[in-house]
Amino acid sequence: MRNEVTIHSLFSDTYWEMPTDVGLYHGGNNSAPPPLAYFVTGVVACLVTQIRAFSIRLQVPVDGVKVDARFHWQGEQIGRNPYTSRPQKLIWILISKVISPRQI
């Protein structure tokens, strides 16, 4: 179930290769991150990017931005029907140090 996905940014005319795979339970061999891992990584990366961008715009220096995000999903399959899944909860732990003007 491995897929070789190429992403093309029209903005920067840049290409990225992003392979995906799924675990044994879905018929894959777990040779690359599953698509949902890219989704979660994208959400966290957007949050961190926005924190850093706004800290620059608002002139609030931050250091060591770290996010621990836990996405909890529930999947269910009945018989041979396709499984359904849905998010159950999302836990964000954001750690950052705001640098006071005297430290700069």
Protein backbone atom coordinates (compact mmCIF):
# COMPACT_ATOMS: atom_id res chain seq x y z
CA MET A 1 0.00 0.00 0.00
CA ARG A 2 3.01 2.28 -0.35
CA ASN A 3 2.44 5.44 -2.36
CA GLU A 4 5.04 7.78 -3.80
CA VAL A 5 3.49 11.24 -3.65
CA THR A 6 5.02 14.31 -5.27
CA ILE A 7 3.99 17.71 -3.94
CA HIS A 8 4.45 20.74 -6.20
CA SER A 9 4.30 24.24 -4.76
CA LEU A 10 3.12 26.63 -7.44
CA PHE A 11 4.17 29.53 -5.21
CA SER A 12 7.86 28.56 -5.09
CA ASP A 13 7.96 26.06 -7.97
CA THR A 14 9.43 23.53 -5.54
CA TYR A 15 8.84 19.78 -5.54
CA TRP A 16 8.90 17.42 -2.55
CA GLU A 17 8.70 13.65 -2.50
CA MET A 18 6.53 12.36 0.34
CA PRO A 19 6.10 8.59 0.45
CA THR A 20 3.22 7.13 2.44
CA ASP A 21 2.38 3.66 3.64
CA VAL A 22 0.01 2.07 6.10
CA GLY A 23 0.47 -0.56 8.76
CA LEU A 24 0.07 -4.30 8.40
CA TYR A 25 -3.56 -4.09 9.56
CA HIS A 26 -4.38 -2.20 6.32
CA GLY A 27 -2.23 -4.35 4.04
CA GLY A 28 0.86 -2.16 4.04
CA ASN A 29 4.29 -2.81 5.48
CA ASN A 30 4.80 0.39 7.51
CA SER A 31 7.73 1.51 5.30
CA ALA A 32 6.81 5.22 5.44
CA PRO A 33 4.58 7.49 7.54
CA PRO A 34 0.86 6.94 7.08
CA PRO A 35 -1.11 9.76 5.44
CA LEU A 36 -2.66 10.71 8.78
CA ALA A 37 0.83 11.37 10.19
CA TYR A 38 1.40 13.97 7.47
CA PHE A 39 -1.95 15.55 8.32
CA VAL A 40 -1.10 15.80 12.03
CA THR A 41 2.40 17.09 11.26
CA GLY A 42 0.91 19.74 8.97
CA VAL A 43 -1.47 20.97 11.67
CA VAL A 44 1.33 21.22 14.25
CA ALA A 45 3.76 22.83 11.78
CA CYS A 46 1.16 25.47 10.87
CA LEU A 47 0.61 26.29 14.55
CA VAL A 48 4.34 26.65 15.28
CA THR A 49 4.88 28.73 12.12
CA GLN A 50 2.06 31.09 13.09
CA ILE A 51 3.38 31.46 16.65
CA ARG A 52 6.81 32.39 15.34
CA ALA A 53 5.47 34.70 12.61
CA PHE A 54 3.20 36.60 15.01
CA SER A 55 5.94 36.85 17.62
CA ILE A 56 8.08 38.63 15.03
CA ARG A 57 5.24 40.91 13.89
CA LEU A 58 4.24 41.77 17.46
CA GLN A 59 7.88 42.05 18.54
CA VAL A 60 7.44 39.46 21.28
CA PRO A 61 10.58 37.34 21.12
CA VAL A 62 10.04 33.67 21.88
CA ASP A 63 12.57 30.91 22.19
CA GLY A 64 12.27 27.15 22.05
CA VAL A 65 8.71 26.77 20.77
CA LYS A 66 7.70 23.15 21.31
CA VAL A 67 4.33 21.56 20.69
CA ASP A 68 3.26 18.14 21.86
CA ALA A 69 0.04 17.29 20.04
CA ARG A 70 -1.94 14.13 20.57
CA PHE A 71 -4.68 13.30 18.14
CA HIS A 72 -7.02 10.55 19.28
CA TRP A 73 -9.02 8.79 16.55
CA GLN A 74 -11.59 6.04 16.78
CA GLY A 75 -12.01 3.59 13.94
CA GLU A 76 -14.70 0.99 13.52
CA GLN A 77 -15.29 -1.74 10.97
CA ILE A 78 -18.37 -3.93 10.83
CA GLY A 79 -18.08 -7.08 8.76
CA ARG A 80 -16.55 -6.40 5.36
CA ASN A 81 -17.81 -2.83 5.21
CA PRO A 82 -15.23 -0.05 4.87
CA TYR A 83 -14.14 1.18 8.24
CA THR A 84 -15.17 4.57 9.51
CA SER A 85 -13.11 6.79 11.74
CA ARG A 86 -13.52 10.09 13.49
CA PRO A 87 -11.48 12.28 15.78
CA GLN A 88 -12.21 11.82 19.47
CA LYS A 89 -10.05 14.51 21.03
CA LEU A 90 -7.02 16.65 20.43
CA ILE A 91 -4.60 17.54 23.20
CA TRP A 92 -2.17 20.42 22.71
CA ILE A 93 0.76 21.10 25.02
CA LEU A 94 2.56 24.26 23.99
CA ILE A 95 5.87 25.16 25.58
CA SER A 96 7.68 28.38 24.83
CA LYS A 97 9.85 30.87 26.58
CA VAL A 98 9.09 34.55 26.10
CA ILE A 99 12.29 36.56 26.21
CA SER A 100 12.07 39.82 28.09
CA PRO A 101 13.49 42.95 26.41
CA ARG A 102 16.30 43.00 28.99
CA GLN A 103 17.49 39.59 27.78
CA ILE A 104 17.86 40.67 24.15
